[in-house]
C-alpha cells in the first residue's frame, strides 16, 4: 500500500478507529488492537476509545504474529476471541454479533465467516481451547487451524461483496468511492 493502512480514512474515520467502533458496537469486550509499524501514531488515533493496544514486536514476520499477540492479550479474560482485520471495511457490527450469537447458541470451537458460500476469511471466532494453537501459528497456519477444526466449526455465510480488503492503492480508491456513493444515495 505504501503507507500504514490502519490510518487510512474511510467514510470519515481511520480504519483502526472504525474497527474499534464496530467491535464495541457489537458488544465485544475487551477490544484489543494489535499494533506494529507506526505504533505511536496508531495508539494516538485510538487513545480516546475503549480498547487496549498490544504491541507486536515481531509484526514484520507476518499477520499470524499479530493474531497470536492479540489472542495472548485476551487469553485470561475471555472464553473466546474474535479475530478481525481492520482493513476489511465492509465488516459490520451485526456480522460480529452474529458470530458471537452462533458461538453462544452452539458452543463450537470455531465460528468461521464464509463469503459467497466458498471463501473462508475473517472475522472468525476461536474458542479458548484453540488459543494455544492460535498463539503458536506460523506463516499460513491460520488456515491450518481452521482446516484442523472445520468439521466441528459453525459456518456463517455473508455476501461475497463483504469480502473486500485494502491491499493496494486502487482497492482503497474503489472502497472510498463506493462508500461515498452509498452515503450520497447512489448519486
N, C-alpha and C. Protein backbone atom coordinates (compact mmCIF):
# COMPACT_ATOMS: atom_id res chain seq x y z
N UNK A 1 0.82 -1.19 0.00
CA UNK A 1 0.00 0.00 0.00
C UNK A 1 0.87 1.27 0.00
N UNK A 2 2.07 1.17 0.55
CA UNK A 2 2.95 2.32 0.57
C UNK A 2 2.81 3.20 1.80
N UNK A 3 1.81 2.93 2.63
CA UNK A 3 1.60 3.64 3.89
C UNK A 3 0.82 2.75 4.83
N UNK A 4 0.73 3.14 6.07
CA UNK A 4 0.06 2.30 7.05
C UNK A 4 -1.45 2.29 6.80
N UNK A 5 -1.98 1.13 6.48
CA UNK A 5 -3.40 1.00 6.16
C UNK A 5 -4.30 1.39 7.31
N UNK A 6 -3.89 1.10 8.53
CA UNK A 6 -4.75 1.36 9.68
C UNK A 6 -5.11 2.83 9.83
N UNK A 7 -4.28 3.71 9.27
CA UNK A 7 -4.50 5.14 9.39
C UNK A 7 -5.23 5.75 8.19
N UNK A 8 -5.52 4.93 7.17
CA UNK A 8 -6.28 5.42 6.02
C UNK A 8 -7.70 5.76 6.45
N UNK A 9 -8.25 6.84 5.90
CA UNK A 9 -9.62 7.23 6.24
C UNK A 9 -10.61 6.63 5.27
N UNK A 10 -11.68 6.09 5.85
CA UNK A 10 -12.78 5.54 5.09
C UNK A 10 -14.06 6.06 5.73
N UNK A 11 -14.90 6.71 4.94
CA UNK A 11 -16.15 7.28 5.43
C UNK A 11 -15.92 8.17 6.66
N UNK A 12 -14.85 8.97 6.62
CA UNK A 12 -14.62 9.96 7.66
C UNK A 12 -13.89 9.50 8.90
N UNK A 13 -13.41 8.26 8.92
CA UNK A 13 -12.65 7.82 10.09
C UNK A 13 -11.54 6.87 9.66
N UNK A 14 -10.47 6.86 10.46
CA UNK A 14 -9.35 5.95 10.18
C UNK A 14 -9.83 4.51 10.33
N UNK A 15 -9.28 3.63 9.51
CA UNK A 15 -9.68 2.22 9.56
C UNK A 15 -9.57 1.63 10.95
N UNK A 16 -8.52 1.97 11.70
CA UNK A 16 -8.35 1.41 13.03
C UNK A 16 -9.47 1.90 13.96
N UNK A 17 -9.86 3.16 13.88
CA UNK A 17 -10.97 3.68 14.69
C UNK A 17 -12.27 2.97 14.30
N UNK A 18 -12.47 2.80 13.01
CA UNK A 18 -13.67 2.13 12.52
C UNK A 18 -13.77 0.71 13.07
N UNK A 19 -12.66 -0.01 13.05
CA UNK A 19 -12.65 -1.39 13.54
C UNK A 19 -12.95 -1.44 15.04
N UNK A 20 -12.38 -0.52 15.81
CA UNK A 20 -12.65 -0.48 17.24
C UNK A 20 -14.12 -0.12 17.48
N UNK A 21 -14.61 0.90 16.79
CA UNK A 21 -16.01 1.31 16.95
C UNK A 21 -16.97 0.16 16.65
N UNK A 22 -16.73 -0.52 15.55
CA UNK A 22 -17.60 -1.64 15.16
C UNK A 22 -17.53 -2.76 16.20
N UNK A 23 -16.35 -3.04 16.69
CA UNK A 23 -16.19 -4.08 17.72
C UNK A 23 -16.96 -3.72 18.98
N UNK A 24 -16.86 -2.45 19.39
CA UNK A 24 -17.57 -2.00 20.59
C UNK A 24 -19.08 -2.03 20.36
N UNK A 25 -19.53 -1.59 19.18
CA UNK A 25 -20.96 -1.63 18.85
C UNK A 25 -21.49 -3.06 18.88
N UNK A 26 -20.63 -4.00 18.54
CA UNK A 26 -21.03 -5.42 18.54
C UNK A 26 -21.07 -5.99 19.95
N UNK A 27 -20.56 -5.24 20.93
CA UNK A 27 -20.55 -5.71 22.30
C UNK A 27 -19.31 -6.49 22.69
N UNK A 28 -18.29 -6.49 21.84
CA UNK A 28 -17.06 -7.21 22.17
C UNK A 28 -16.33 -6.49 23.30
N UNK A 29 -15.86 -7.25 24.26
CA UNK A 29 -15.15 -6.69 25.40
C UNK A 29 -14.32 -7.77 26.05
N UNK A 30 -13.03 -7.58 26.15
CA UNK A 30 -12.26 -6.40 25.78
C UNK A 30 -12.00 -6.35 24.28
N UNK A 31 -11.65 -5.17 23.81
CA UNK A 31 -11.21 -5.00 22.42
C UNK A 31 -9.71 -4.72 22.47
N UNK A 32 -8.95 -5.57 21.78
CA UNK A 32 -7.50 -5.44 21.72
C UNK A 32 -7.13 -5.03 20.31
N UNK A 33 -6.30 -4.01 20.19
CA UNK A 33 -5.80 -3.56 18.90
C UNK A 33 -4.31 -3.89 18.85
N UNK A 34 -3.95 -4.76 17.92
CA UNK A 34 -2.55 -5.15 17.79
C UNK A 34 -1.87 -4.14 16.87
N UNK A 35 -0.78 -3.57 17.37
CA UNK A 35 -0.03 -2.58 16.61
C UNK A 35 1.34 -3.14 16.25
N UNK A 36 1.95 -2.49 15.31
CA UNK A 36 3.30 -2.86 14.88
C UNK A 36 3.96 -1.61 14.34
N UNK A 37 4.02 -1.53 13.00
CA UNK A 37 4.58 -0.35 12.34
C UNK A 37 3.74 0.88 12.71
N UNK A 38 4.39 2.00 12.97
CA UNK A 38 3.73 3.27 13.32
C UNK A 38 2.91 3.16 14.59
N UNK A 39 3.39 2.37 15.50
CA UNK A 39 2.70 2.11 16.76
C UNK A 39 2.19 3.37 17.45
N UNK A 40 3.05 4.38 17.60
CA UNK A 40 2.68 5.59 18.33
C UNK A 40 1.53 6.32 17.65
N UNK A 41 1.58 6.43 16.33
CA UNK A 41 0.51 7.12 15.60
C UNK A 41 -0.81 6.39 15.73
N UNK A 42 -0.76 5.08 15.67
CA UNK A 42 -1.99 4.29 15.79
C UNK A 42 -2.55 4.40 17.20
N UNK A 43 -1.69 4.32 18.19
CA UNK A 43 -2.16 4.42 19.57
C UNK A 43 -2.75 5.80 19.85
N UNK A 44 -2.18 6.86 19.26
CA UNK A 44 -2.78 8.19 19.41
C UNK A 44 -4.16 8.25 18.76
N UNK A 45 -4.30 7.57 17.64
CA UNK A 45 -5.58 7.58 16.91
C UNK A 45 -6.71 6.96 17.73
N UNK A 46 -6.39 6.01 18.60
CA UNK A 46 -7.43 5.28 19.34
C UNK A 46 -7.41 5.56 20.84
N UNK A 47 -6.58 6.51 21.28
CA UNK A 47 -6.39 6.72 22.72
C UNK A 47 -7.67 7.09 23.45
N UNK A 48 -8.65 7.67 22.78
CA UNK A 48 -9.91 8.05 23.43
C UNK A 48 -10.97 6.96 23.33
N UNK A 49 -10.63 5.82 22.76
CA UNK A 49 -11.58 4.72 22.59
C UNK A 49 -11.35 3.65 23.65
N UNK A 50 -12.40 2.91 23.94
CA UNK A 50 -12.30 1.84 24.93
C UNK A 50 -11.71 0.60 24.27
N UNK A 51 -10.38 0.52 24.33
CA UNK A 51 -9.66 -0.60 23.75
C UNK A 51 -8.28 -0.65 24.38
N UNK A 52 -7.61 -1.77 24.16
CA UNK A 52 -6.26 -1.97 24.71
C UNK A 52 -5.30 -2.23 23.56
N UNK A 53 -4.33 -1.33 23.36
CA UNK A 53 -3.32 -1.61 22.35
C UNK A 53 -2.32 -2.64 22.87
N UNK A 54 -1.94 -3.56 21.99
CA UNK A 54 -0.92 -4.56 22.29
C UNK A 54 0.11 -4.47 21.17
N UNK A 55 1.35 -4.22 21.52
CA UNK A 55 2.40 -4.09 20.52
C UNK A 55 2.95 -5.46 20.14
N UNK A 56 3.00 -5.72 18.85
CA UNK A 56 3.58 -6.94 18.31
C UNK A 56 4.98 -6.60 17.79
N UNK A 57 5.98 -6.88 18.61
CA UNK A 57 7.36 -6.57 18.25
C UNK A 57 7.83 -7.36 17.03
N UNK A 58 7.14 -8.46 16.72
CA UNK A 58 7.52 -9.33 15.61
C UNK A 58 6.62 -9.11 14.39
N UNK A 59 5.99 -7.95 14.27
CA UNK A 59 4.99 -7.71 13.22
C UNK A 59 5.53 -7.92 11.82
N UNK A 60 6.82 -7.73 11.61
CA UNK A 60 7.39 -7.91 10.29
C UNK A 60 7.41 -9.36 9.83
N UNK A 61 7.19 -10.30 10.75
CA UNK A 61 7.21 -11.72 10.41
C UNK A 61 5.90 -12.22 9.83
N UNK A 62 4.86 -11.39 9.82
CA UNK A 62 3.61 -11.80 9.20
C UNK A 62 2.40 -11.62 10.09
N UNK A 63 1.24 -11.66 9.45
CA UNK A 63 -0.03 -11.40 10.12
C UNK A 63 -0.32 -12.40 11.24
N UNK A 64 0.19 -13.62 11.10
CA UNK A 64 -0.08 -14.63 12.13
C UNK A 64 0.50 -14.21 13.47
N UNK A 65 1.60 -13.44 13.48
CA UNK A 65 2.16 -12.98 14.75
C UNK A 65 1.26 -11.96 15.40
N UNK A 66 0.53 -11.19 14.60
CA UNK A 66 -0.43 -10.23 15.16
C UNK A 66 -1.63 -10.96 15.76
N UNK A 67 -2.12 -11.98 15.07
CA UNK A 67 -3.22 -12.78 15.62
C UNK A 67 -2.80 -13.41 16.94
N UNK A 68 -1.60 -13.95 16.97
CA UNK A 68 -1.09 -14.58 18.19
C UNK A 68 -0.96 -13.56 19.32
N UNK A 69 -0.47 -12.36 19.02
CA UNK A 69 -0.33 -11.32 20.04
C UNK A 69 -1.68 -10.89 20.58
N UNK A 70 -2.65 -10.74 19.70
CA UNK A 70 -4.00 -10.34 20.13
C UNK A 70 -4.65 -11.37 21.02
N UNK A 71 -4.56 -12.63 20.63
CA UNK A 71 -5.16 -13.70 21.43
C UNK A 71 -4.43 -13.83 22.77
N UNK A 72 -3.12 -13.71 22.75
CA UNK A 72 -2.37 -13.76 24.01
C UNK A 72 -2.79 -12.62 24.93
N UNK A 73 -3.17 -11.48 24.33
CA UNK A 73 -3.60 -10.32 25.11
C UNK A 73 -4.94 -10.48 25.79
N UNK A 74 -5.75 -11.44 25.35
CA UNK A 74 -7.07 -11.65 25.98
C UNK A 74 -7.23 -13.04 26.59
N UNK A 75 -6.20 -13.86 26.50
CA UNK A 75 -6.32 -15.27 26.87
C UNK A 75 -6.92 -15.50 28.26
N UNK A 76 -6.56 -14.72 29.24
CA UNK A 76 -7.09 -14.93 30.57
C UNK A 76 -8.42 -14.27 30.83
N UNK A 77 -8.89 -13.44 29.89
CA UNK A 77 -10.08 -12.63 30.13
C UNK A 77 -11.31 -13.10 29.37
N UNK A 78 -11.18 -14.07 28.48
CA UNK A 78 -12.28 -14.41 27.59
C UNK A 78 -12.44 -15.91 27.39
N UNK A 79 -13.67 -16.31 27.11
CA UNK A 79 -13.93 -17.69 26.73
C UNK A 79 -13.69 -17.91 25.24
N UNK A 80 -13.70 -16.81 24.49
CA UNK A 80 -13.50 -16.89 23.04
C UNK A 80 -12.96 -15.55 22.57
N UNK A 81 -12.38 -15.55 21.37
CA UNK A 81 -11.85 -14.31 20.79
C UNK A 81 -12.26 -14.23 19.33
N UNK A 82 -12.67 -13.04 18.91
CA UNK A 82 -12.95 -12.76 17.51
C UNK A 82 -11.70 -12.11 16.94
N UNK A 83 -11.22 -12.66 15.85
CA UNK A 83 -10.10 -12.05 15.13
C UNK A 83 -10.66 -11.42 13.88
N UNK A 84 -10.45 -10.11 13.79
CA UNK A 84 -10.89 -9.38 12.59
C UNK A 84 -9.72 -8.54 12.09
N UNK A 85 -9.82 -8.13 10.84
CA UNK A 85 -8.79 -7.30 10.23
C UNK A 85 -9.36 -5.91 9.99
N UNK A 86 -8.63 -4.90 10.41
CA UNK A 86 -9.10 -3.52 10.27
C UNK A 86 -9.21 -3.09 8.81
N UNK A 87 -8.49 -3.77 7.92
CA UNK A 87 -8.53 -3.34 6.52
C UNK A 87 -9.66 -3.99 5.72
N UNK A 88 -10.67 -4.50 6.43
CA UNK A 88 -11.86 -5.05 5.79
C UNK A 88 -13.04 -4.14 6.14
N UNK A 89 -13.23 -3.03 5.41
CA UNK A 89 -14.20 -2.01 5.80
C UNK A 89 -15.66 -2.39 5.66
N UNK A 90 -15.98 -3.53 5.07
CA UNK A 90 -17.38 -3.92 4.92
C UNK A 90 -17.83 -4.92 5.98
N UNK A 91 -16.97 -5.20 6.95
CA UNK A 91 -17.37 -6.00 8.12
C UNK A 91 -18.18 -5.07 9.02
N UNK A 92 -19.30 -5.58 9.52
CA UNK A 92 -20.20 -4.75 10.33
C UNK A 92 -20.32 -5.29 11.75
N UNK A 93 -20.87 -4.46 12.61
CA UNK A 93 -21.14 -4.89 13.99
C UNK A 93 -22.12 -6.06 13.99
N UNK A 94 -23.08 -6.03 13.10
CA UNK A 94 -24.04 -7.15 13.02
C UNK A 94 -23.34 -8.46 12.69
N UNK A 95 -22.35 -8.41 11.82
CA UNK A 95 -21.60 -9.63 11.49
C UNK A 95 -20.89 -10.16 12.73
N UNK A 96 -20.25 -9.28 13.48
CA UNK A 96 -19.54 -9.70 14.69
C UNK A 96 -20.51 -10.26 15.72
N UNK A 97 -21.65 -9.59 15.90
CA UNK A 97 -22.67 -10.08 16.85
C UNK A 97 -23.16 -11.47 16.44
N UNK A 98 -23.32 -11.68 15.13
CA UNK A 98 -23.81 -12.98 14.65
C UNK A 98 -22.81 -14.09 14.98
N UNK A 99 -21.52 -13.82 14.84
CA UNK A 99 -20.51 -14.82 15.21
C UNK A 99 -20.66 -15.19 16.68
N UNK A 100 -20.79 -14.18 17.53
CA UNK A 100 -20.91 -14.42 18.97
C UNK A 100 -22.21 -15.16 19.29
N UNK A 101 -23.30 -14.77 18.65
CA UNK A 101 -24.59 -15.45 18.88
C UNK A 101 -24.51 -16.92 18.50
N UNK A 102 -23.90 -17.23 17.38
CA UNK A 102 -23.78 -18.63 16.96
C UNK A 102 -22.90 -19.41 17.93
N UNK A 103 -21.84 -18.78 18.42
CA UNK A 103 -20.96 -19.41 19.41
C UNK A 103 -21.74 -19.68 20.69
N UNK A 104 -22.49 -18.71 21.15
CA UNK A 104 -23.26 -18.85 22.39
C UNK A 104 -24.31 -19.94 22.27
N UNK A 105 -24.96 -20.01 21.12
CA UNK A 105 -26.03 -20.98 20.92
C UNK A 105 -25.53 -22.40 20.72
N UNK A 106 -24.38 -22.56 20.06
CA UNK A 106 -23.94 -23.89 19.64
C UNK A 106 -22.65 -24.38 20.27
N UNK A 107 -21.89 -23.49 20.90
CA UNK A 107 -20.62 -23.82 21.59
C UNK A 107 -19.61 -24.59 20.74
N UNK A 108 -19.39 -24.17 19.49
CA UNK A 108 -18.36 -24.83 18.68
C UNK A 108 -16.98 -24.29 19.07
N UNK A 109 -15.92 -24.97 18.67
CA UNK A 109 -14.59 -24.45 18.94
C UNK A 109 -14.22 -23.28 18.00
N UNK A 110 -14.97 -23.14 16.91
CA UNK A 110 -14.63 -22.17 15.88
C UNK A 110 -15.90 -21.74 15.15
N UNK A 111 -16.02 -20.42 14.92
CA UNK A 111 -17.10 -19.90 14.08
C UNK A 111 -16.41 -19.19 12.92
N UNK A 112 -16.69 -19.66 11.72
CA UNK A 112 -16.00 -19.23 10.51
C UNK A 112 -16.91 -18.37 9.65
N UNK A 113 -16.40 -17.24 9.20
CA UNK A 113 -17.11 -16.43 8.21
C UNK A 113 -16.82 -17.03 6.84
N UNK A 114 -17.90 -17.24 6.08
CA UNK A 114 -17.76 -17.79 4.72
C UNK A 114 -18.44 -16.82 3.76
N UNK A 115 -17.70 -16.37 2.78
CA UNK A 115 -18.19 -15.35 1.85
C UNK A 115 -18.55 -15.97 0.52
N UNK A 116 -19.75 -15.63 0.05
CA UNK A 116 -20.19 -16.15 -1.24
C UNK A 116 -20.30 -17.66 -1.26
N UNK A 117 -20.45 -18.27 -0.08
CA UNK A 117 -20.60 -19.71 0.02
C UNK A 117 -19.33 -20.51 -0.21
N UNK A 118 -18.18 -19.83 -0.36
CA UNK A 118 -16.99 -20.62 -0.67
C UNK A 118 -15.68 -20.14 -0.06
N UNK A 119 -15.54 -18.87 0.28
CA UNK A 119 -14.27 -18.35 0.78
C UNK A 119 -14.34 -18.11 2.28
N UNK A 120 -13.46 -18.78 3.03
CA UNK A 120 -13.37 -18.56 4.47
C UNK A 120 -12.37 -17.44 4.73
N UNK A 121 -12.78 -16.46 5.52
CA UNK A 121 -11.91 -15.32 5.82
C UNK A 121 -12.41 -14.66 7.11
N UNK A 122 -11.60 -13.81 7.71
CA UNK A 122 -12.03 -13.09 8.92
C UNK A 122 -13.26 -12.24 8.65
N UNK A 123 -13.95 -11.92 9.72
CA UNK A 123 -13.67 -12.25 11.11
C UNK A 123 -14.02 -13.70 11.42
N UNK A 124 -13.29 -14.26 12.37
CA UNK A 124 -13.54 -15.62 12.85
C UNK A 124 -13.48 -15.60 14.37
N UNK A 125 -14.24 -16.49 14.97
CA UNK A 125 -14.27 -16.60 16.42
C UNK A 125 -13.63 -17.92 16.82
N UNK A 126 -12.70 -17.85 17.76
CA UNK A 126 -11.97 -19.01 18.26
C UNK A 126 -12.31 -19.22 19.74
N UNK A 127 -12.73 -20.41 20.09
CA UNK A 127 -12.93 -20.76 21.50
C UNK A 127 -11.57 -20.83 22.18
N UNK A 128 -11.56 -20.62 23.49
CA UNK A 128 -10.30 -20.63 24.25
C UNK A 128 -9.53 -21.94 24.12
N UNK A 129 -10.21 -23.06 23.78
CA UNK A 129 -9.47 -24.32 23.60
C UNK A 129 -8.50 -24.24 22.42
N UNK A 130 -8.76 -23.29 21.50
CA UNK A 130 -7.89 -23.11 20.35
C UNK A 130 -6.83 -22.03 20.56
N UNK A 131 -6.88 -21.30 21.67
CA UNK A 131 -5.91 -20.23 21.90
C UNK A 131 -4.46 -20.72 21.81
N UNK A 132 -4.12 -21.88 22.39
CA UNK A 132 -2.72 -22.33 22.25
C UNK A 132 -2.29 -22.53 20.79
N UNK A 133 -3.20 -23.04 19.96
CA UNK A 133 -2.86 -23.20 18.54
C UNK A 133 -2.69 -21.85 17.84
N UNK A 134 -3.58 -20.92 18.16
CA UNK A 134 -3.51 -19.59 17.53
C UNK A 134 -2.23 -18.88 17.95
N UNK A 135 -1.85 -18.98 19.20
CA UNK A 135 -0.65 -18.27 19.66
C UNK A 135 0.64 -18.91 19.16
N UNK A 136 0.57 -20.14 18.63
CA UNK A 136 1.76 -20.80 18.08
C UNK A 136 1.77 -20.80 16.55
N UNK A 137 0.83 -20.12 15.92
CA UNK A 137 0.74 -20.15 14.46
C UNK A 137 2.01 -19.63 13.81
N UNK A 138 2.35 -20.26 12.69
CA UNK A 138 3.42 -19.77 11.83
C UNK A 138 2.79 -19.36 10.51
N UNK A 139 3.55 -18.82 9.61
CA UNK A 139 3.03 -18.32 8.33
C UNK A 139 2.06 -19.32 7.70
N UNK A 140 0.88 -18.83 7.38
CA UNK A 140 -0.12 -19.66 6.73
C UNK A 140 -0.87 -20.60 7.64
N UNK A 141 -0.47 -20.67 8.91
CA UNK A 141 -1.08 -21.65 9.81
C UNK A 141 -2.48 -21.27 10.26
N UNK A 142 -2.90 -20.01 10.06
CA UNK A 142 -4.28 -19.65 10.37
C UNK A 142 -5.24 -20.55 9.61
N UNK A 143 -4.92 -20.77 8.37
CA UNK A 143 -5.75 -21.67 7.56
C UNK A 143 -5.67 -23.10 8.09
N UNK A 144 -4.50 -23.47 8.59
CA UNK A 144 -4.34 -24.82 9.14
C UNK A 144 -5.19 -25.02 10.40
N UNK A 145 -5.25 -24.02 11.26
CA UNK A 145 -6.10 -24.12 12.46
C UNK A 145 -7.55 -24.31 12.02
N UNK A 146 -7.99 -23.54 11.04
CA UNK A 146 -9.36 -23.67 10.53
C UNK A 146 -9.56 -25.06 9.93
N UNK A 147 -8.61 -25.53 9.11
CA UNK A 147 -8.76 -26.87 8.50
C UNK A 147 -8.84 -27.97 9.54
N UNK A 148 -7.99 -27.88 10.57
CA UNK A 148 -7.99 -28.93 11.61
C UNK A 148 -9.31 -29.01 12.35
N UNK A 149 -10.03 -27.91 12.45
CA UNK A 149 -11.25 -27.90 13.27
C UNK A 149 -12.51 -27.62 12.46
N UNK A 150 -12.38 -27.62 11.15
CA UNK A 150 -13.50 -27.25 10.28
C UNK A 150 -14.70 -28.19 10.45
N UNK A 151 -14.43 -29.44 10.71
CA UNK A 151 -15.54 -30.41 10.85
C UNK A 151 -16.40 -30.12 12.07
N UNK A 152 -15.87 -29.40 13.05
CA UNK A 152 -16.65 -29.04 14.24
C UNK A 152 -17.01 -27.56 14.27
N UNK A 153 -16.65 -26.84 13.23
CA UNK A 153 -16.90 -25.40 13.16
C UNK A 153 -18.32 -25.11 12.70
N UNK A 154 -18.78 -23.94 13.07
CA UNK A 154 -20.04 -23.41 12.56
C UNK A 154 -19.67 -22.37 11.50
N UNK A 155 -20.30 -22.47 10.34
CA UNK A 155 -20.05 -21.50 9.27
C UNK A 155 -21.19 -20.49 9.25
N UNK A 156 -20.82 -19.24 9.08
CA UNK A 156 -21.80 -18.17 8.93
C UNK A 156 -21.56 -17.56 7.56
N UNK A 157 -22.60 -17.55 6.75
CA UNK A 157 -22.47 -17.08 5.37
C UNK A 157 -22.75 -15.58 5.26
N UNK A 158 -21.89 -14.92 4.47
CA UNK A 158 -22.01 -13.50 4.16
C UNK A 158 -21.95 -13.33 2.65
N UNK A 159 -22.51 -12.26 2.14
CA UNK A 159 -22.39 -12.00 0.70
C UNK A 159 -20.92 -11.80 0.31
N UNK A 160 -20.57 -12.22 -0.87
CA UNK A 160 -19.19 -12.07 -1.35
C UNK A 160 -18.75 -10.61 -1.34
N UNK A 161 -19.69 -9.68 -1.48
CA UNK A 161 -19.35 -8.25 -1.51
C UNK A 161 -18.77 -7.76 -0.18
N UNK A 162 -18.98 -8.48 0.90
CA UNK A 162 -18.41 -8.09 2.20
C UNK A 162 -16.92 -8.45 2.29
N UNK A 163 -16.49 -9.34 1.43
CA UNK A 163 -15.09 -9.78 1.44
C UNK A 163 -14.24 -8.84 0.60
N UNK A 164 -13.95 -7.72 1.15
CA UNK A 164 -13.11 -6.73 0.48
C UNK A 164 -12.06 -6.28 1.48
N UNK A 165 -10.83 -6.23 1.07
CA UNK A 165 -9.80 -5.68 1.93
C UNK A 165 -8.97 -4.69 1.13
N UNK A 166 -8.18 -3.93 1.84
CA UNK A 166 -7.42 -2.86 1.23
C UNK A 166 -5.95 -3.24 1.20
N UNK A 167 -5.51 -3.79 0.10
CA UNK A 167 -4.12 -4.19 -0.05
C UNK A 167 -3.35 -3.31 -1.02
N UNK A 168 -4.06 -2.66 -1.93
CA UNK A 168 -3.41 -1.84 -2.96
C UNK A 168 -4.08 -0.47 -3.00
N UNK A 169 -3.38 0.54 -3.47
CA UNK A 169 -3.98 1.88 -3.56
C UNK A 169 -5.29 1.87 -4.34
N UNK A 170 -5.38 1.07 -5.39
CA UNK A 170 -6.62 1.03 -6.16
C UNK A 170 -7.77 0.41 -5.37
N UNK A 171 -7.48 -0.54 -4.46
CA UNK A 171 -8.53 -1.08 -3.58
C UNK A 171 -9.10 0.03 -2.71
N UNK A 172 -8.19 0.82 -2.15
CA UNK A 172 -8.59 1.93 -1.28
C UNK A 172 -9.45 2.93 -2.05
N UNK A 173 -9.01 3.33 -3.24
CA UNK A 173 -9.75 4.30 -4.05
C UNK A 173 -11.15 3.77 -4.38
N UNK A 174 -11.26 2.49 -4.72
CA UNK A 174 -12.56 1.90 -5.03
C UNK A 174 -13.49 1.89 -3.83
N UNK A 175 -12.96 1.53 -2.65
CA UNK A 175 -13.79 1.48 -1.45
C UNK A 175 -14.25 2.88 -1.03
N UNK A 176 -13.34 3.85 -1.08
CA UNK A 176 -13.71 5.23 -0.74
C UNK A 176 -14.82 5.72 -1.67
N UNK A 177 -14.69 5.46 -2.97
CA UNK A 177 -15.70 5.89 -3.94
C UNK A 177 -17.02 5.16 -3.70
N UNK A 178 -16.96 3.87 -3.43
CA UNK A 178 -18.17 3.09 -3.19
C UNK A 178 -18.91 3.58 -1.95
N UNK A 179 -18.18 3.83 -0.88
CA UNK A 179 -18.82 4.32 0.35
C UNK A 179 -19.36 5.73 0.17
N UNK A 180 -18.69 6.56 -0.59
CA UNK A 180 -19.19 7.91 -0.87
C UNK A 180 -20.50 7.85 -1.67
N UNK A 181 -20.56 6.94 -2.64
CA UNK A 181 -21.79 6.76 -3.42
C UNK A 181 -22.91 6.28 -2.50
N UNK A 182 -22.62 5.35 -1.62
CA UNK A 182 -23.63 4.81 -0.72
C UNK A 182 -24.15 5.89 0.23
N UNK A 183 -23.26 6.72 0.75
CA UNK A 183 -23.68 7.79 1.66
C UNK A 183 -24.47 8.86 0.92
N UNK A 184 -24.16 9.04 -0.36
CA UNK A 184 -24.87 10.05 -1.15
C UNK A 184 -26.13 9.54 -1.79
N UNK A 185 -26.51 8.32 -1.45
CA UNK A 185 -27.73 7.74 -2.01
C UNK A 185 -27.57 7.25 -3.42
N UNK A 186 -26.30 6.99 -3.82
CA UNK A 186 -26.07 6.45 -5.15
C UNK A 186 -25.94 7.49 -6.23
N UNK A 187 -26.01 8.77 -5.89
CA UNK A 187 -25.90 9.85 -6.88
C UNK A 187 -24.49 10.09 -7.31
